[in-house]
PDB file of all heavy atoms in Angstrom:
ATOM      1  N   VAL A   1     -42.399 -11.871  -6.019  1.00  0.00           N
ATOM      2  CA  VAL A   1     -41.807 -11.119  -4.917  1.00  0.00           C
ATOM      3  C   VAL A   1     -40.332 -10.971  -5.245  1.00  0.00           C
ATOM      4  O   VAL A   1     -39.606 -11.966  -5.318  1.00  0.00           O
ATOM      5  CB  VAL A   1     -41.995 -11.847  -3.565  1.00  0.00           C
ATOM      6  CG1 VAL A   1     -41.347 -11.053  -2.441  1.00  0.00           C
ATOM      7  CG2 VAL A   1     -43.480 -12.085  -3.291  1.00  0.00           C
ATOM      8  N   ALA A   2     -39.900  -9.746  -5.470  1.00  0.00           N
ATOM      9  CA  ALA A   2     -38.503  -9.486  -5.837  1.00  0.00           C
ATOM     10  C   ALA A   2     -37.818  -8.727  -4.711  1.00  0.00           C
ATOM     11  O   ALA A   2     -38.315  -7.698  -4.251  1.00  0.00           O
ATOM     12  CB  ALA A   2     -38.441  -8.683  -7.136  1.00  0.00           C
ATOM     13  N   LEU A   3     -36.690  -9.266  -4.279  1.00  0.00           N
ATOM     14  CA  LEU A   3     -35.910  -8.657  -3.201  1.00  0.00           C
ATOM     15  C   LEU A   3     -34.481  -8.447  -3.664  1.00  0.00           C
ATOM     16  O   LEU A   3     -33.952  -9.247  -4.442  1.00  0.00           O
ATOM     17  CB  LEU A   3     -35.923  -9.557  -1.965  1.00  0.00           C
ATOM     18  CG  LEU A   3     -37.303  -9.855  -1.366  1.00  0.00           C
ATOM     19  CD1 LEU A   3     -37.188 -10.926  -0.299  1.00  0.00           C
ATOM     20  CD2 LEU A   3     -37.923  -8.583  -0.801  1.00  0.00           C
ATOM     21  N   ASP A   4     -33.864  -7.391  -3.156  1.00  0.00           N
ATOM     22  CA  ASP A   4     -32.484  -7.129  -3.545  1.00  0.00           C
ATOM     23  C   ASP A   4     -31.510  -7.910  -2.673  1.00  0.00           C
ATOM     24  O   ASP A   4     -31.846  -8.356  -1.587  1.00  0.00           O
ATOM     25  CB  ASP A   4     -32.167  -5.629  -3.504  1.00  0.00           C
ATOM     26  CG  ASP A   4     -32.142  -5.057  -2.092  1.00  0.00           C
ATOM     27  OD1 ASP A   4     -32.853  -5.588  -1.209  1.00  0.00           O
ATOM     28  OD2 ASP A   4     -31.420  -4.085  -1.872  1.00  0.00           O
ATOM     29  N   ALA A   5     -30.326  -8.077  -3.188  1.00  0.00           N
ATOM     30  CA  ALA A   5     -29.244  -8.764  -2.472  1.00  0.00           C
ATOM     31  C   ALA A   5     -28.003  -7.882  -2.553  1.00  0.00           C
ATOM     32  O   ALA A   5     -27.887  -7.020  -3.426  1.00  0.00           O
ATOM     33  CB  ALA A   5     -28.977 -10.126  -3.099  1.00  0.00           C
ATOM     34  N   ALA A   6     -27.071  -8.114  -1.647  1.00  0.00           N
ATOM     35  CA  ALA A   6     -25.866  -7.289  -1.570  1.00  0.00           C
ATOM     36  C   ALA A   6     -24.825  -7.661  -2.616  1.00  0.00           C
ATOM     37  O   ALA A   6     -23.919  -6.873  -2.894  1.00  0.00           O
ATOM     38  CB  ALA A   6     -25.261  -7.385  -0.173  1.00  0.00           C
ATOM     39  N   SER A   7     -24.943  -8.874  -3.186  1.00  0.00           N
ATOM     40  CA  SER A   7     -23.946  -9.318  -4.160  1.00  0.00           C
ATOM     41  C   SER A   7     -24.508 -10.473  -4.985  1.00  0.00           C
ATOM     42  O   SER A   7     -25.508 -11.085  -4.615  1.00  0.00           O
ATOM     43  CB  SER A   7     -22.670  -9.791  -3.451  1.00  0.00           C
ATOM     44  OG  SER A   7     -22.940 -10.972  -2.714  1.00  0.00           O
ATOM     45  N   LYS A   8     -23.825 -10.761  -6.077  1.00  0.00           N
ATOM     46  CA  LYS A   8     -24.189 -11.911  -6.907  1.00  0.00           C
ATOM     47  C   LYS A   8     -24.042 -13.194  -6.085  1.00  0.00           C
ATOM     48  O   LYS A   8     -24.877 -14.098  -6.164  1.00  0.00           O
ATOM     49  CB  LYS A   8     -23.268 -11.953  -8.130  1.00  0.00           C
ATOM     50  CG  LYS A   8     -23.521 -13.097  -9.067  1.00  0.00           C
ATOM     51  CD  LYS A   8     -22.588 -13.029 -10.277  1.00  0.00           C
ATOM     52  CE  LYS A   8     -22.775 -14.194 -11.209  1.00  0.00           C
ATOM     53  NZ  LYS A   8     -21.915 -14.112 -12.402  1.00  0.00           N
ATOM     54  N   GLU A   9     -23.016 -13.246  -5.266  1.00  0.00           N
ATOM     55  CA  GLU A   9     -22.772 -14.427  -4.429  1.00  0.00           C
ATOM     56  C   GLU A   9     -23.898 -14.627  -3.418  1.00  0.00           C
ATOM     57  O   GLU A   9     -24.292 -15.760  -3.129  1.00  0.00           O
ATOM     58  CB  GLU A   9     -21.421 -14.308  -3.715  1.00  0.00           C
ATOM     59  CG  GLU A   9     -20.217 -14.365  -4.640  1.00  0.00           C
ATOM     60  CD  GLU A   9     -19.996 -13.083  -5.470  1.00  0.00           C
ATOM     61  OE1 GLU A   9     -20.431 -11.991  -5.050  1.00  0.00           O
ATOM     62  OE2 GLU A   9     -19.412 -13.201  -6.566  1.00  0.00           O
ATOM     63  N   GLU A  10     -24.431 -13.516  -2.885  1.00  0.00           N
ATOM     64  CA  GLU A  10     -25.543 -13.634  -1.942  1.00  0.00           C
ATOM     65  C   GLU A  10     -26.775 -14.191  -2.645  1.00  0.00           C
ATOM     66  O   GLU A  10     -27.494 -15.027  -2.091  1.00  0.00           O
ATOM     67  CB  GLU A  10     -25.867 -12.292  -1.292  1.00  0.00           C
ATOM     68  CG  GLU A  10     -26.970 -12.416  -0.250  1.00  0.00           C
ATOM     69  CD  GLU A  10     -27.316 -11.113   0.429  1.00  0.00           C
ATOM     70  OE1 GLU A  10     -27.387 -10.065  -0.253  1.00  0.00           O
ATOM     71  OE2 GLU A  10     -27.541 -11.152   1.652  1.00  0.00           O
ATOM     72  N   VAL A  11     -27.040 -13.752  -3.882  1.00  0.00           N
ATOM     73  CA  VAL A  11     -28.155 -14.293  -4.655  1.00  0.00           C
ATOM     74  C   VAL A  11     -27.972 -15.806  -4.797  1.00  0.00           C
ATOM     75  O   VAL A  11     -28.888 -16.588  -4.530  1.00  0.00           O
ATOM     76  CB  VAL A  11     -28.255 -13.635  -6.053  1.00  0.00           C
ATOM     77  CG1 VAL A  11     -29.282 -14.365  -6.917  1.00  0.00           C
ATOM     78  CG2 VAL A  11     -28.603 -12.161  -5.939  1.00  0.00           C
ATOM     79  N   GLN A  12     -26.781 -16.230  -5.214  1.00  0.00           N
ATOM     80  CA  GLN A  12     -26.510 -17.653  -5.416  1.00  0.00           C
ATOM     81  C   GLN A  12     -26.657 -18.435  -4.113  1.00  0.00           C
ATOM     82  O   GLN A  12     -27.173 -19.553  -4.101  1.00  0.00           O
ATOM     83  CB  GLN A  12     -25.112 -17.831  -6.012  1.00  0.00           C
ATOM     84  CG  GLN A  12     -25.011 -17.292  -7.423  1.00  0.00           C
ATOM     85  CD  GLN A  12     -23.577 -17.186  -7.921  1.00  0.00           C
ATOM     86  OE1 GLN A  12     -22.626 -17.058  -7.149  1.00  0.00           O
ATOM     87  NE2 GLN A  12     -23.419 -17.235  -9.248  1.00  0.00           N
ATOM     88  N   GLU A  13     -26.217 -17.851  -3.003  1.00  0.00           N
ATOM     89  CA  GLU A  13     -26.314 -18.517  -1.695  1.00  0.00           C
ATOM     90  C   GLU A  13     -27.783 -18.711  -1.299  1.00  0.00           C
ATOM     91  O   GLU A  13     -28.173 -19.795  -0.845  1.00  0.00           O
ATOM     92  CB  GLU A  13     -25.589 -17.680  -0.641  1.00  0.00           C
ATOM     93  CG  GLU A  13     -25.634 -18.279   0.743  1.00  0.00           C
ATOM     94  CD  GLU A  13     -24.939 -17.398   1.772  1.00  0.00           C
ATOM     95  OE1 GLU A  13     -24.044 -16.610   1.401  1.00  0.00           O
ATOM     96  OE2 GLU A  13     -25.302 -17.504   2.949  1.00  0.00           O
ATOM     97  N   ILE A  14     -28.598 -17.686  -1.481  1.00  0.00           N
ATOM     98  CA  ILE A  14     -30.023 -17.784  -1.136  1.00  0.00           C
ATOM     99  C   ILE A  14     -30.702 -18.851  -1.993  1.00  0.00           C
ATOM    100  O   ILE A  14     -31.471 -19.672  -1.488  1.00  0.00           O
ATOM    101  CB  ILE A  14     -30.720 -16.420  -1.299  1.00  0.00           C
ATOM    102  CG1 ILE A  14     -30.217 -15.449  -0.225  1.00  0.00           C
ATOM    103  CG2 ILE A  14     -32.241 -16.561  -1.228  1.00  0.00           C
ATOM    104  CD1 ILE A  14     -30.618 -14.010  -0.454  1.00  0.00           C
ATOM    105  N   ILE A  15     -30.403 -18.848  -3.284  1.00  0.00           N
ATOM    106  CA  ILE A  15     -31.014 -19.836  -4.185  1.00  0.00           C
ATOM    107  C   ILE A  15     -30.591 -21.253  -3.784  1.00  0.00           C
ATOM    108  O   ILE A  15     -31.412 -22.174  -3.760  1.00  0.00           O
ATOM    109  CB  ILE A  15     -30.652 -19.545  -5.655  1.00  0.00           C
ATOM    110  CG1 ILE A  15     -31.184 -18.181  -6.082  1.00  0.00           C
ATOM    111  CG2 ILE A  15     -31.157 -20.654  -6.573  1.00  0.00           C
ATOM    112  CD1 ILE A  15     -32.682 -17.992  -5.975  1.00  0.00           C
ATOM    113  N   SER A  16     -29.316 -21.432  -3.448  1.00  0.00           N
ATOM    114  CA  SER A  16     -28.835 -22.756  -3.008  1.00  0.00           C
ATOM    115  C   SER A  16     -29.545 -23.209  -1.744  1.00  0.00           C
ATOM    116  O   SER A  16     -29.961 -24.375  -1.636  1.00  0.00           O
ATOM    117  CB  SER A  16     -27.323 -22.716  -2.777  1.00  0.00           C
ATOM    118  OG  SER A  16     -26.658 -22.543  -3.995  1.00  0.00           O
ATOM    119  N   LYS A  17     -29.695 -22.304  -0.781  1.00  0.00           N
ATOM    120  CA  LYS A  17     -30.396 -22.640   0.467  1.00  0.00           C
ATOM    121  C   LYS A  17     -31.853 -22.988   0.172  1.00  0.00           C
ATOM    122  O   LYS A  17     -32.403 -23.922   0.755  1.00  0.00           O
ATOM    123  CB  LYS A  17     -30.330 -21.472   1.448  1.00  0.00           C
ATOM    124  CG  LYS A  17     -28.990 -21.283   2.100  1.00  0.00           C
ATOM    125  CD  LYS A  17     -29.039 -20.103   3.054  1.00  0.00           C
ATOM    126  CE  LYS A  17     -27.704 -19.855   3.720  1.00  0.00           C
ATOM    127  NZ  LYS A  17     -27.762 -18.683   4.613  1.00  0.00           N
ATOM    128  N   ALA A  18     -32.475 -22.227  -0.718  1.00  0.00           N
ATOM    129  CA  ALA A  18     -33.878 -22.482  -1.057  1.00  0.00           C
ATOM    130  C   ALA A  18     -34.041 -23.860  -1.692  1.00  0.00           C
ATOM    131  O   ALA A  18     -34.950 -24.617  -1.330  1.00  0.00           O
ATOM    132  CB  ALA A  18     -34.397 -21.387  -1.996  1.00  0.00           C
ATOM    133  N   GLN A  19     -33.163 -24.196  -2.628  1.00  0.00           N
ATOM    134  CA  GLN A  19     -33.225 -25.524  -3.267  1.00  0.00           C
ATOM    135  C   GLN A  19     -33.039 -26.624  -2.233  1.00  0.00           C
ATOM    136  O   GLN A  19     -33.757 -27.628  -2.250  1.00  0.00           O
ATOM    137  CB  GLN A  19     -32.152 -25.643  -4.343  1.00  0.00           C
ATOM    138  CG  GLN A  19     -32.537 -25.017  -5.657  1.00  0.00           C
ATOM    139  CD  GLN A  19     -31.525 -25.368  -6.721  1.00  0.00           C
ATOM    140  OE1 GLN A  19     -30.429 -24.808  -6.752  1.00  0.00           O
ATOM    141  NE2 GLN A  19     -31.889 -26.287  -7.586  1.00  0.00           N
ATOM    142  N   ALA A  20     -32.075 -26.453  -1.336  1.00  0.00           N
ATOM    143  CA  ALA A  20     -31.816 -27.462  -0.310  1.00  0.00           C
ATOM    144  C   ALA A  20     -33.013 -27.632   0.625  1.00  0.00           C
ATOM    145  O   ALA A  20     -33.237 -28.715   1.161  1.00  0.00           O
ATOM    146  CB  ALA A  20     -30.564 -27.092   0.493  1.00  0.00           C
ATOM    147  N   ALA A  21     -33.797 -26.560   0.787  1.00  0.00           N
ATOM    148  CA  ALA A  21     -34.967 -26.611   1.669  1.00  0.00           C
ATOM    149  C   ALA A  21     -36.228 -27.051   0.938  1.00  0.00           C
ATOM    150  O   ALA A  21     -37.300 -27.103   1.532  1.00  0.00           O
ATOM    151  CB  ALA A  21     -35.176 -25.238   2.310  1.00  0.00           C
ATOM    152  N   GLY A  22     -36.133 -27.362  -0.369  1.00  0.00           N
ATOM    153  CA  GLY A  22     -37.267 -27.901  -1.097  1.00  0.00           C
ATOM    154  C   GLY A  22     -37.861 -27.003  -2.162  1.00  0.00           C
ATOM    155  O   GLY A  22     -38.866 -27.371  -2.780  1.00  0.00           O
ATOM    156  N   ALA A  23     -37.280 -25.842  -2.408  1.00  0.00           N
ATOM    157  CA  ALA A  23     -37.792 -24.943  -3.448  1.00  0.00           C
ATOM    158  C   ALA A  23     -37.507 -25.509  -4.831  1.00  0.00           C
ATOM    159  O   ALA A  23     -36.590 -26.299  -5.016  1.00  0.00           O
ATOM    160  CB  ALA A  23     -37.140 -23.563  -3.322  1.00  0.00           C
ATOM    161  N   GLN A  24     -38.311 -25.061  -5.797  1.00  0.00           N
ATOM    162  CA  GLN A  24     -38.116 -25.440  -7.192  1.00  0.00           C
ATOM    163  C   GLN A  24     -37.684 -24.204  -7.972  1.00  0.00           C
ATOM    164  O   GLN A  24     -38.254 -23.132  -7.792  1.00  0.00           O
ATOM    165  CB  GLN A  24     -39.426 -25.963  -7.789  1.00  0.00           C
ATOM    166  CG  GLN A  24     -39.966 -27.195  -7.100  1.00  0.00           C
ATOM    167  CD  GLN A  24     -39.053 -28.394  -7.286  1.00  0.00           C
ATOM    168  OE1 GLN A  24     -38.613 -28.681  -8.384  1.00  0.00           O
ATOM    169  NE2 GLN A  24     -38.765 -29.083  -6.190  1.00  0.00           N
ATOM    170  N   LEU A  25     -36.670 -24.354  -8.810  1.00  0.00           N
ATOM    171  CA  LEU A  25     -36.270 -23.255  -9.676  1.00  0.00           C
ATOM    172  C   LEU A  25     -37.287 -23.149 -10.802  1.00  0.00           C
ATOM    173  O   LEU A  25     -37.706 -24.155 -11.356  1.00  0.00           O
ATOM    174  CB  LEU A  25     -34.877 -23.487 -10.250  1.00  0.00           C
ATOM    175  CG  LEU A  25     -33.742 -23.628  -9.230  1.00  0.00           C
ATOM    176  CD1 LEU A  25     -32.415 -23.777  -9.957  1.00  0.00           C
ATOM    177  CD2 LEU A  25     -33.709 -22.452  -8.274  1.00  0.00           C
ATOM    178  N   TYR A  26     -37.694 -21.947 -11.140  1.00  0.00           N
ATOM    179  CA  TYR A  26     -38.637 -21.793 -12.248  1.00  0.00           C
ATOM    180  C   TYR A  26     -38.057 -20.976 -13.387  1.00  0.00           C
ATOM    181  O   TYR A  26     -38.712 -20.787 -14.408  1.00  0.00           O
ATOM    182  CB  TYR A  26     -39.975 -21.191 -11.789  1.00  0.00           C
ATOM    183  CG  TYR A  26     -39.903 -19.743 -11.370  1.00  0.00           C
ATOM    184  CD1 TYR A  26     -40.036 -18.717 -12.305  1.00  0.00           C
ATOM    185  CD2 TYR A  26     -39.707 -19.401 -10.048  1.00  0.00           C
ATOM    186  CE1 TYR A  26     -39.978 -17.393 -11.931  1.00  0.00           C
ATOM    187  CE2 TYR A  26     -39.645 -18.082  -9.668  1.00  0.00           C
ATOM    188  CZ  TYR A  26     -39.789 -17.079 -10.613  1.00  0.00           C
ATOM    189  OH  TYR A  26     -39.717 -15.771 -10.225  1.00  0.00           O
ATOM    190  N   ALA A  27     -36.829 -20.501 -13.230  1.00  0.00           N
ATOM    191  CA  ALA A  27     -36.158 -19.743 -14.291  1.00  0.00           C
ATOM    192  C   ALA A  27     -34.655 -19.897 -14.115  1.00  0.00           C
ATOM    193  O   ALA A  27     -34.166 -20.120 -13.009  1.00  0.00           O
ATOM    194  CB  ALA A  27     -36.551 -18.272 -14.242  1.00  0.00           C
ATOM    195  N   GLU A  28     -33.948 -19.787 -15.209  1.00  0.00           N
ATOM    196  CA  GLU A  28     -32.493 -19.814 -15.168  1.00  0.00           C
ATOM    197  C   GLU A  28     -31.988 -18.469 -14.650  1.00  0.00           C
ATOM    198  O   GLU A  28     -32.670 -17.442 -14.806  1.00  0.00           O
ATOM    199  CB  GLU A  28     -31.927 -20.065 -16.569  1.00  0.00           C
ATOM    200  CG  GLU A  28     -32.237 -21.442 -17.119  1.00  0.00           C
ATOM    201  CD  GLU A  28     -31.622 -22.555 -16.300  1.00  0.00           C
ATOM    202  OE1 GLU A  28     -30.449 -22.428 -15.908  1.00  0.00           O
ATOM    203  OE2 GLU A  28     -32.321 -23.551 -16.041  1.00  0.00           O
ATOM    204  N   PRO A  29     -30.789 -18.442 -14.051  1.00  0.00           N
ATOM    205  CA  PRO A  29     -30.252 -17.149 -13.619  1.00  0.00           C
ATOM    206  C   PRO A  29     -30.026 -16.244 -14.833  1.00  0.00           C
ATOM    207  O   PRO A  29     -29.737 -16.722 -15.928  1.00  0.00           O
ATOM    208  CB  PRO A  29     -28.931 -17.511 -12.943  1.00  0.00           C
ATOM    209  CG  PRO A  29     -28.595 -18.878 -13.400  1.00  0.00           C
ATOM    210  CD  PRO A  29     -29.879 -19.549 -13.792  1.00  0.00           C
ATOM    211  N   GLN A  30     -30.206 -14.955 -14.613  1.00  0.00           N
ATOM    212  CA  GLN A  30     -30.003 -13.964 -15.663  1.00  0.00           C
ATOM    213  C   GLN A  30     -28.861 -13.041 -15.238  1.00  0.00           C
ATOM    214  O   GLN A  30     -28.912 -12.469 -14.153  1.00  0.00           O
ATOM    215  CB  GLN A  30     -31.272 -13.136 -15.885  1.00  0.00           C
ATOM    216  CG  GLN A  30     -32.482 -13.961 -16.264  1.00  0.00           C
ATOM    217  CD  GLN A  30     -32.325 -14.629 -17.610  1.00  0.00           C
ATOM    218  OE1 GLN A  30     -31.961 -13.994 -18.591  1.00  0.00           O
ATOM    219  NE2 GLN A  30     -32.608 -15.928 -17.663  1.00  0.00           N
ATOM    220  N   ASP A  31     -27.858 -12.904 -16.087  1.00  0.00           N
ATOM    221  CA  ASP A  31     -26.721 -12.028 -15.787  1.00  0.00           C
ATOM    222  C   ASP A  31     -26.609 -10.992 -16.899  1.00  0.00           C
ATOM    223  O   ASP A  31     -26.290 -11.319 -18.039  1.00  0.00           O
ATOM    224  CB  ASP A  31     -25.426 -12.844 -15.684  1.00  0.00           C
ATOM    225  CG  ASP A  31     -24.288 -12.051 -15.082  1.00  0.00           C
ATOM    226  OD1 ASP A  31     -24.345 -10.799 -15.076  1.00  0.00           O
ATOM    227  OD2 ASP A  31     -23.332 -12.680 -14.605  1.00  0.00           O
ATOM    228  N   TYR A  32     -26.921  -9.748 -16.550  1.00  0.00           N
ATOM    229  CA  TYR A  32     -26.882  -8.655 -17.507  1.00  0.00           C
ATOM    230  C   TYR A  32     -25.614  -7.807 -17.351  1.00  0.00           C
ATOM    231  O   TYR A  32     -25.520  -6.735 -17.908  1.00  0.00           O
ATOM    232  CB  TYR A  32     -28.109  -7.762 -17.338  1.00  0.00           C
ATOM    233  CG  TYR A  32     -29.411  -8.514 -17.518  1.00  0.00           C
ATOM    234  CD1 TYR A  32     -30.141  -8.950 -16.420  1.00  0.00           C
ATOM    235  CD2 TYR A  32     -29.896  -8.801 -18.791  1.00  0.00           C
ATOM    236  CE1 TYR A  32     -31.335  -9.648 -16.580  1.00  0.00           C
ATOM    237  CE2 TYR A  32     -31.083  -9.508 -18.961  1.00  0.00           C
ATOM    238  CZ  TYR A  32     -31.789  -9.917 -17.852  1.00  0.00           C
ATOM    239  OH  TYR A  32     -32.968 -10.615 -18.014  1.00  0.00           O
ATOM    240  N   GLY A  33     -24.671  -8.293 -16.581  1.00  0.00           N
ATOM    241  CA  GLY A  33     -23.452  -7.530 -16.318  1.00  0.00           C
ATOM    242  C   GLY A  33     -23.638  -6.601 -15.133  1.00  0.00           C
ATOM    243  O   GLY A  33     -23.003  -6.764 -14.105  1.00  0.00           O
ATOM    244  N   TRP A  34     -24.555  -5.686 -15.246  1.00  0.00           N
ATOM    245  CA  TRP A  34     -24.835  -4.738 -14.157  1.00  0.00           C
ATOM    246  C   TRP A  34     -25.911  -5.255 -13.194  1.00  0.00           C
ATOM    247  O   TRP A  34     -26.084  -4.761 -12.094  1.00  0.00           O
ATOM    248  CB  TRP A  34     -25.271  -3.388 -14.729  1.00  0.00           C
ATOM    249  CG  TRP A  34     -26.546  -3.474 -15.530  1.00  0.00           C
ATOM    250  CD1 TRP A  34     -26.675  -3.843 -16.838  1.00  0.00           C
ATOM    251  CD2 TRP A  34     -27.865  -3.222 -15.060  1.00  0.00           C
ATOM    252  NE1 TRP A  34     -27.999  -3.833 -17.213  1.00  0.00           N
ATOM    253  CE2 TRP A  34     -28.758  -3.441 -16.139  1.00  0.00           C
ATOM    254  CE3 TRP A  34     -28.392  -2.822 -13.836  1.00  0.00           C
ATOM    255  CZ2 TRP A  34     -30.123  -3.288 -16.033  1.00  0.00           C
ATOM    256  CZ3 TRP A  34     -29.769  -2.661 -13.730  1.00  0.00           C
ATOM    257  CH2 TRP A  34     -30.616  -2.891 -14.823  1.00  0.00           C
ATOM    258  N   MET A  35     -26.641  -6.313 -13.635  1.00  0.00           N
ATOM    259  CA  MET A  35     -27.696  -6.888 -12.796  1.00  0.00           C
ATOM    260  C   MET A  35     -27.656  -8.405 -12.919  1.00  0.00           C
ATOM    261  O   MET A  35     -27.501  -8.948 -14.010  1.00  0.00           O
ATOM    262  CB  MET A  35     -29.066  -6.373 -13.237  1.00  0.00           C
ATOM    263  CG  MET A  35     -30.208  -6.911 -12.378  1.00  0.00           C
ATOM    264  SD  MET A  35     -31.818  -6.174 -12.756  1.00  0.00           S
ATOM    265  CE  MET A  35     -32.254  -7.072 -14.235  1.00  0.00           C
TER     266      MET A  35
END
């Protein structure tokens, strides 16, 4: 399930909240410059 975010910071904030709520990361963040 892929959803868009308004900024890189929003992506990081959602991931941080998810981890704090018990989620597991399954991939490292990917930064392509434009994405």
